[in-house]
Amino acid sequence: MFRLPVFSVLLMVCLSACNPTPEDDRPGQPVKHRQEAFKVILRASEPIGLMLGDDKFDAENFARLAARLSEVRDGPWAYYGADTNYPPSKSRDEVWSQPDKFAVERQRFQNATDTLRAATTRDAAQTAYNELRASCKACHNGFRR
């Protein structure tokens, strides 16, 4: 049986305790709500990726999953107020300094969810899902730490 040395365990505990994630203590907790909304989007999109990755496309289940993603896709955007760039936010300053570019990326994501929801075949779903992932990656690369 593999056992970590005591020093390693103590070091991990100390690092965890010494560098906690700050809480969102601002009124209304916009950063916390924004982060939770993104987690909901992730939980809605992951089953689609798993279905396509396992090559077990089920059109009816896919349609249900894509509809759910469409329902939750707008969740985080209302929480990007002018004064919401503070820890624990992982957003870069570019969200606020380049709002037009951020809006373009948000629209790209929304368009990708529309295309995904309209897909009825496995190939169309895979293409749409790839675009959805690309839109997420582009936004993360440009606007997230």
Protein backbone atom coordinates (compact mmCIF):
# COMPACT_ATOMS: atom_id res chain seq x y z
CA MET A 1 0.00 0.00 0.00
CA PHE A 2 1.31 3.45 -0.95
CA ARG A 3 1.59 5.94 1.91
CA LEU A 4 2.44 9.59 1.64
CA PRO A 5 5.20 10.77 3.92
CA VAL A 6 3.88 12.69 6.91
CA PHE A 7 5.71 15.84 5.78
CA SER A 8 3.94 15.77 2.40
CA VAL A 9 0.54 15.43 4.04
CA LEU A 10 1.27 18.29 6.44
CA LEU A 11 2.53 20.44 3.57
CA MET A 12 -0.66 19.87 1.56
CA VAL A 13 -2.85 20.68 4.56
CA CYS A 14 -0.88 23.84 5.29
CA LEU A 15 -0.99 25.02 1.68
CA SER A 16 -4.74 24.45 1.58
CA ALA A 17 -5.30 26.32 4.83
CA CYS A 18 -2.88 29.14 4.01
CA ASN A 19 -4.33 29.87 0.58
CA PRO A 20 -8.10 29.58 0.89
CA THR A 21 -10.42 30.85 -1.82
CA PRO A 22 -11.87 34.15 -0.63
CA GLU A 23 -15.59 34.33 -0.08
CA ASP A 24 -17.75 36.75 -2.02
CA ASP A 25 -18.90 39.00 0.79
CA ARG A 26 -20.31 41.82 -1.36
CA PRO A 27 -24.04 42.61 -1.30
CA GLY A 28 -25.91 40.16 -3.50
CA GLN A 29 -22.75 38.07 -3.99
CA PRO A 30 -22.59 38.64 -7.77
CA VAL A 31 -19.29 36.80 -8.28
CA LYS A 32 -20.52 33.77 -6.35
CA HIS A 33 -23.76 33.71 -8.36
CA ARG A 34 -21.85 34.12 -11.63
CA GLN A 35 -19.53 31.23 -10.76
CA GLU A 36 -22.45 29.03 -9.74
CA ALA A 37 -24.26 29.85 -13.01
CA PHE A 38 -21.19 28.78 -15.00
CA LYS A 39 -21.12 25.51 -13.06
CA VAL A 40 -24.75 24.93 -14.03
CA ILE A 41 -23.81 25.48 -17.68
CA LEU A 42 -20.94 23.03 -17.32
CA ARG A 43 -23.17 20.41 -15.71
CA ALA A 44 -25.66 20.88 -18.56
CA SER A 45 -23.05 20.55 -21.31
CA GLU A 46 -20.90 17.70 -19.95
CA PRO A 47 -23.50 14.96 -20.56
CA ILE A 48 -23.69 16.02 -24.20
CA GLY A 49 -19.94 15.68 -24.57
CA LEU A 50 -20.03 12.29 -22.86
CA MET A 51 -22.79 11.08 -25.15
CA LEU A 52 -20.91 12.20 -28.24
CA GLY A 53 -17.58 10.91 -26.93
CA ASP A 54 -19.01 7.48 -26.16
CA ASP A 55 -20.55 7.42 -29.65
CA LYS A 56 -23.93 6.58 -28.09
CA PHE A 57 -26.00 9.27 -29.74
CA ASP A 58 -29.64 9.14 -28.71
CA ALA A 59 -31.57 11.88 -30.53
CA GLU A 60 -34.31 12.15 -27.92
CA ASN A 61 -31.92 12.36 -24.98
CA PHE A 62 -29.67 14.73 -26.91
CA ALA A 63 -32.61 17.06 -27.61
CA ARG A 64 -33.50 17.08 -23.90
CA LEU A 65 -29.89 17.84 -22.90
CA ALA A 66 -29.49 20.57 -25.53
CA ALA A 67 -32.77 22.16 -24.42
CA ARG A 68 -31.53 22.19 -20.82
CA LEU A 69 -28.31 23.89 -21.88
CA SER A 70 -30.33 26.51 -23.74
CA GLU A 71 -32.40 27.12 -20.62
CA VAL A 72 -29.38 27.86 -18.43
CA ARG A 73 -27.06 29.60 -20.91
CA ASP A 74 -28.02 33.14 -19.86
CA GLY A 75 -27.45 32.55 -16.14
CA PRO A 76 -24.07 34.21 -15.57
CA TRP A 77 -24.29 37.31 -17.74
CA ALA A 78 -26.42 39.47 -15.44
CA TYR A 79 -23.75 39.13 -12.75
CA TYR A 80 -21.06 41.00 -14.72
CA GLY A 81 -21.71 44.41 -13.21
CA ALA A 82 -19.28 47.30 -13.23
CA ASP A 83 -18.08 46.58 -9.70
CA THR A 84 -17.80 42.78 -9.86
CA ASN A 85 -14.10 42.35 -10.62
CA TYR A 86 -12.83 41.39 -7.19
CA PRO A 87 -11.69 38.13 -5.57
CA PRO A 88 -12.89 35.42 -5.89
CA SER A 89 -13.53 36.48 -9.51
CA LYS A 90 -11.36 34.80 -12.11
CA SER A 91 -12.35 37.31 -14.76
CA ARG A 92 -9.67 39.42 -16.41
CA ASP A 93 -9.91 43.19 -16.61
CA GLU A 94 -10.60 42.77 -20.35
CA VAL A 95 -14.22 41.84 -19.54
CA TRP A 96 -14.74 45.48 -18.57
CA SER A 97 -12.10 47.20 -20.70
CA GLN A 98 -13.23 45.41 -23.91
CA PRO A 99 -16.98 45.05 -23.40
CA ASP A 100 -17.74 44.86 -27.12
CA LYS A 101 -15.33 41.97 -27.61
CA PHE A 102 -16.77 40.25 -24.53
CA ALA A 103 -20.28 40.70 -25.94
CA VAL A 104 -19.17 39.15 -29.25
CA GLU A 105 -17.83 36.09 -27.43
CA ARG A 106 -21.01 35.80 -25.37
CA GLN A 107 -23.08 35.95 -28.56
CA ARG A 108 -20.86 33.29 -30.14
CA PHE A 109 -21.63 31.03 -27.16
CA GLN A 110 -25.35 31.70 -27.45
CA ASN A 111 -25.30 31.04 -31.20
CA ALA A 112 -23.46 27.77 -30.56
CA THR A 113 -26.13 26.68 -28.08
CA ASP A 114 -28.82 27.51 -30.66
CA THR A 115 -27.01 25.45 -33.31
CA LEU A 116 -26.56 22.60 -30.86
CA ARG A 117 -30.24 22.63 -29.96
CA ALA A 118 -31.21 22.54 -33.65
CA ALA A 119 -28.99 19.52 -34.39
CA THR A 120 -30.88 16.30 -35.11
CA THR A 121 -28.12 13.96 -36.25
CA ARG A 122 -24.99 12.79 -34.54
CA ASP A 123 -22.73 14.51 -37.09
CA ALA A 124 -24.57 17.81 -36.76
CA ALA A 125 -24.51 17.50 -32.97
CA GLN A 126 -20.77 16.80 -32.96
CA THR A 127 -20.05 19.79 -35.21
CA ALA A 128 -22.23 22.05 -33.06
CA TYR A 129 -20.69 20.72 -29.85
CA ASN A 130 -17.20 21.38 -31.20
CA GLU A 131 -18.20 24.98 -31.91
CA LEU A 132 -19.69 25.27 -28.43
CA ARG A 133 -16.41 24.09 -26.90
CA ALA A 134 -14.45 26.47 -29.13
CA SER A 135 -16.61 29.38 -27.98
CA CYS A 136 -16.00 28.47 -24.34
CA LYS A 137 -12.26 28.15 -24.92
CA ALA A 138 -12.07 31.49 -26.75
CA CYS A 139 -13.81 33.29 -23.90
CA HIS A 140 -11.65 31.58 -21.28
CA ASN A 141 -8.48 32.44 -23.19
CA GLY A 142 -9.41 36.09 -23.57
CA PHE A 143 -11.36 36.85 -20.44
CA ARG A 144 -10.50 34.41 -17.64
CA ARG A 145 -7.43 34.05 -15.45
